[in-house]
Amino acid sequence: MARSEHVEIEGVPLVATLVPGSGIGLLALHGSNEGGTAELADLVARRCGATSLVFTQPGARRPVHIPSPRMAADHCALLREFLDRVSLTVSLHGHMRPHAPHTLFLGGGNREAALVLARELLALAPRFRAVADLEAIPAALRGLHPRNPVNLTRLGGVQVELPLLARTTGAADTPPQPVADALAAGVVRLGQLLSTSTQEPR
C-alpha cells in the first residue's frame, strides 16, 4: 500500500510516495521536473512487484531541481525506509541533451546491473540507443557521486537518464510502451540474478 510523506529539502516542499515491494527499487527523485520518470517508476515497479519511491512537488508552477546527492536527506523517513528495504536501485532521470534525443545513458555504481538493463533495452526498445560505457556518458549524467541515493543501497544501482522521447508520449507524461517493457524485463532479470546467484552483483 502506498504511503506518502511531506518533506522539505533545502527549503523546497516535496511529497515522497513509497510503494513497498521486492528488494529491487525504482526511484524517481525529480518526478515533477523530469516528465514521465514518476510514471515510469510507478508502472515498472507495479508490473514487477518492485519497491518504488517517487518525489514530486505538487502544485509547483516551476518545480525546483535539487541535485541528486543533495536529495539524500537523512530526515526523510520514507527514503530511509527505501534504502533499508532495497538491495539494488534503478533510478530514473530525464535528460535534454540535444545531440542525443534517442540515447539512454546508464550510469550509477553497479556496472553489471547497467549492462543487464542495456541488453533488455537493445532487445525490446531498439528505437533507442542504450549507452552503458561510462566513458561515453557525459560526466554530469554518470551518477557516481557517493551521496547520490542510487549508490546508497547495499549493491548500489543504475542511474537511467532518459531523453524526452523515451519517457513521454506526445504532450503526455505517459512512457512509451517499449521502454516500459524493456525496463520491466530488466528489473525482472535483475531480481532473478539476485535470488539465484551465490554471489550477488556488485
Protein backbone atom coordinates (compact mmCIF):
# COMPACT_ATOMS: atom_id res chain seq x y z
CA MET A 1 0.00 0.00 0.00
CA ALA A 2 1.32 3.43 -0.95
CA ARG A 3 2.39 5.78 1.83
CA SER A 4 3.29 9.44 1.45
CA GLU A 5 5.39 11.87 3.46
CA HIS A 6 5.60 15.64 3.21
CA VAL A 7 9.24 16.61 3.50
CA GLU A 8 11.23 19.79 2.98
CA ILE A 9 14.68 19.56 1.41
CA GLU A 10 16.76 22.73 1.05
CA GLY A 11 13.63 24.78 1.64
CA VAL A 12 11.69 23.04 -1.12
CA PRO A 13 8.44 21.26 -0.10
CA LEU A 14 8.15 17.80 -1.62
CA VAL A 15 5.94 14.76 -1.33
CA ALA A 16 7.66 11.38 -1.17
CA THR A 17 5.49 8.37 -2.06
CA LEU A 18 6.66 4.84 -1.25
CA VAL A 19 5.09 1.62 -2.51
CA PRO A 20 6.82 -1.31 -0.75
CA GLY A 21 7.76 -4.36 -2.79
CA SER A 22 10.76 -6.52 -3.53
CA GLY A 23 14.46 -5.84 -2.97
CA ILE A 24 14.77 -4.10 -6.33
CA GLY A 25 13.82 -0.42 -6.09
CA LEU A 26 12.59 2.07 -8.68
CA LEU A 27 13.44 5.64 -7.74
CA ALA A 28 12.32 8.95 -9.27
CA LEU A 29 13.91 11.85 -7.44
CA HIS A 30 12.64 14.56 -9.79
CA GLY A 31 9.14 13.42 -10.62
CA SER A 32 7.82 16.94 -11.19
CA ASN A 33 10.86 18.19 -13.11
CA GLU A 34 11.55 15.30 -15.45
CA GLY A 35 8.26 14.34 -17.09
CA GLY A 36 7.45 10.66 -17.30
CA THR A 37 10.01 9.47 -14.74
CA ALA A 38 7.49 9.25 -11.88
CA GLU A 39 5.01 7.46 -14.12
CA LEU A 40 7.66 5.07 -15.41
CA ALA A 41 8.93 4.25 -11.92
CA ASP A 42 5.40 3.51 -10.73
CA LEU A 43 4.49 1.47 -13.82
CA VAL A 44 7.62 -0.69 -13.84
CA ALA A 45 7.55 -1.28 -10.09
CA ARG A 46 3.92 -2.38 -10.12
CA ARG A 47 4.46 -4.72 -13.06
CA CYS A 48 7.45 -6.36 -11.38
CA GLY A 49 6.40 -6.25 -7.74
CA ALA A 50 9.37 -3.98 -7.03
CA THR A 51 9.57 -1.19 -4.48
CA SER A 52 9.13 2.37 -5.72
CA LEU A 53 9.87 5.77 -4.24
CA VAL A 54 8.82 8.91 -6.11
CA PHE A 55 9.41 12.54 -5.15
CA THR A 56 7.08 15.23 -6.53
CA GLN A 57 6.33 18.91 -5.96
CA PRO A 58 2.52 19.05 -6.27
CA GLY A 59 1.17 22.44 -7.29
CA ALA A 60 4.59 23.94 -8.00
CA ARG A 61 4.41 26.14 -11.09
CA ARG A 62 8.18 25.96 -11.51
CA PRO A 63 9.49 22.84 -9.78
CA VAL A 64 12.96 23.23 -8.29
CA HIS A 65 15.65 20.82 -9.42
CA ILE A 66 17.66 19.68 -6.40
CA PRO A 67 20.83 17.80 -7.44
CA SER A 68 20.58 14.10 -6.67
CA PRO A 69 23.32 13.93 -4.00
CA ARG A 70 21.51 16.65 -2.04
CA MET A 71 18.28 14.65 -2.14
CA ALA A 72 19.82 12.14 0.28
CA ALA A 73 18.14 13.83 3.23
CA ASP A 74 18.54 11.93 6.49
CA HIS A 75 15.31 13.42 7.83
CA CYS A 76 13.18 11.82 5.07
CA ALA A 77 11.74 8.73 6.77
CA LEU A 78 10.50 7.11 3.54
CA LEU A 79 13.88 7.49 1.88
CA ARG A 80 15.49 5.80 4.89
CA GLU A 81 12.95 3.00 4.64
CA PHE A 82 13.57 2.63 0.90
CA LEU A 83 17.34 2.39 1.41
CA ASP A 84 16.88 -0.19 4.18
CA ARG A 85 14.42 -2.31 2.19
CA VAL A 86 16.08 -2.26 -1.23
CA SER A 87 19.31 -4.03 -2.23
CA LEU A 88 19.63 -2.60 -5.75
CA THR A 89 18.21 0.65 -7.14
CA VAL A 90 17.16 1.69 -10.65
CA SER A 91 16.94 5.48 -10.51
CA LEU A 92 15.08 7.16 -13.38
CA HIS A 93 16.01 10.63 -14.60
CA GLY A 94 15.40 12.76 -17.66
CA HIS A 95 17.98 14.45 -19.85
CA MET A 96 17.56 17.03 -22.60
CA ARG A 97 20.84 16.63 -24.49
CA PRO A 98 20.06 17.92 -28.00
CA HIS A 99 22.71 15.69 -29.57
CA ALA A 100 21.22 12.54 -28.03
CA PRO A 101 17.41 12.58 -28.47
CA HIS A 102 17.26 8.77 -28.76
CA THR A 103 20.01 7.86 -26.28
CA LEU A 104 19.58 6.44 -22.79
CA PHE A 105 22.64 6.76 -20.57
CA LEU A 106 23.07 4.05 -17.92
CA GLY A 107 25.27 5.34 -15.13
CA GLY A 108 25.43 4.56 -11.43
CA GLY A 109 27.83 2.44 -9.44
CA ASN A 110 26.56 -1.05 -10.33
CA ARG A 111 28.02 -1.62 -13.77
CA GLU A 112 26.89 -5.26 -14.06
CA ALA A 113 23.29 -4.21 -13.49
CA ALA A 114 23.71 -1.42 -16.07
CA LEU A 115 24.72 -3.99 -18.68
CA VAL A 116 21.67 -6.13 -17.87
CA LEU A 117 19.36 -3.17 -18.45
CA ALA A 118 21.23 -2.20 -21.62
CA ARG A 119 20.70 -5.66 -23.10
CA GLU A 120 16.95 -5.54 -22.45
CA LEU A 121 16.66 -2.05 -23.92
CA LEU A 122 18.54 -3.14 -27.02
CA ALA A 123 16.23 -6.14 -27.46
CA LEU A 124 12.85 -4.56 -26.63
CA ALA A 125 13.28 -0.85 -27.39
CA PRO A 126 15.55 -0.85 -30.47
CA ARG A 127 14.43 2.66 -31.45
CA PHE A 128 16.65 3.92 -28.64
CA ARG A 129 20.37 3.57 -28.02
CA ALA A 130 21.41 2.41 -24.56
CA VAL A 131 24.91 3.53 -23.53
CA ALA A 132 26.48 1.74 -20.56
CA ASP A 133 30.12 2.69 -21.22
CA LEU A 134 30.90 5.29 -18.56
CA GLU A 135 33.47 6.99 -20.76
CA ALA A 136 30.76 7.63 -23.36
CA ILE A 137 28.34 9.13 -20.81
CA PRO A 138 28.53 12.88 -20.15
CA ALA A 139 30.19 13.42 -16.77
CA ALA A 140 27.14 15.18 -15.32
CA LEU A 141 24.94 12.16 -16.12
CA ARG A 142 27.14 9.37 -14.76
CA GLY A 143 25.51 9.21 -11.33
CA LEU A 144 28.66 8.20 -9.48
CA HIS A 145 28.58 10.62 -6.56
CA PRO A 146 28.75 8.60 -3.32
CA ARG A 147 25.86 10.58 -1.83
CA ASN A 148 23.60 10.02 -4.83
CA PRO A 149 20.75 7.83 -3.49
CA VAL A 150 21.24 5.41 -6.40
CA ASN A 151 24.55 4.40 -4.81
CA LEU A 152 23.36 4.19 -1.20
CA THR A 153 21.66 0.80 -1.30
CA ARG A 154 23.70 -2.29 -0.46
CA LEU A 155 24.51 -3.19 -4.07
CA GLY A 156 24.34 0.33 -5.45
CA GLY A 157 22.35 0.74 -8.62
CA VAL A 158 21.85 2.11 -12.11
CA GLN A 159 21.06 5.73 -12.93
CA VAL A 160 18.96 5.67 -16.11
CA GLU A 161 18.99 9.02 -17.92
CA LEU A 162 16.15 9.05 -20.43
CA PRO A 163 15.65 11.52 -23.28
CA LEU A 164 12.22 13.11 -23.60
CA LEU A 165 11.15 10.68 -26.35
CA ALA A 166 11.87 7.70 -24.07
CA ARG A 167 9.77 8.93 -21.14
CA THR A 168 6.80 10.77 -22.65
CA THR A 169 4.29 10.21 -25.44
CA GLY A 170 3.28 13.36 -27.28
CA ALA A 171 2.21 16.01 -24.81
CA ALA A 172 1.50 13.47 -22.08
CA ASP A 173 3.81 12.07 -19.40
CA THR A 174 2.87 8.54 -20.47
CA PRO A 175 6.02 6.49 -21.05
CA PRO A 176 6.41 4.69 -24.41
CA GLN A 177 5.39 1.04 -24.09
CA PRO A 178 8.66 -0.43 -25.48
CA VAL A 179 10.73 1.46 -22.90
CA ALA A 180 8.44 0.37 -20.06
CA ASP A 181 8.57 -3.23 -21.33
CA ALA A 182 12.37 -3.18 -21.58
CA LEU A 183 12.90 -1.71 -18.12
CA ALA A 184 10.40 -4.14 -16.60
CA ALA A 185 12.19 -7.07 -18.26
CA GLY A 186 15.49 -5.74 -16.96
CA VAL A 187 14.17 -5.39 -13.42
CA VAL A 188 12.79 -8.94 -13.53
CA ARG A 189 16.16 -10.20 -14.76
CA LEU A 190 17.99 -8.34 -12.00
CA GLY A 191 15.64 -9.86 -9.44
CA GLN A 192 16.40 -13.33 -10.82
CA LEU A 193 20.12 -12.69 -10.59
CA LEU A 194 19.79 -11.53 -7.01
CA SER A 195 17.78 -14.56 -5.97
CA THR A 196 19.76 -17.26 -7.78
CA SER A 197 23.37 -16.10 -7.60
CA THR A 198 25.50 -17.22 -4.72
CA GLN A 199 27.48 -14.03 -5.18
CA GLU A 200 25.22 -11.05 -5.80
CA PRO A 201 26.23 -8.50 -8.46
CA ARG A 202 28.30 -5.56 -7.29
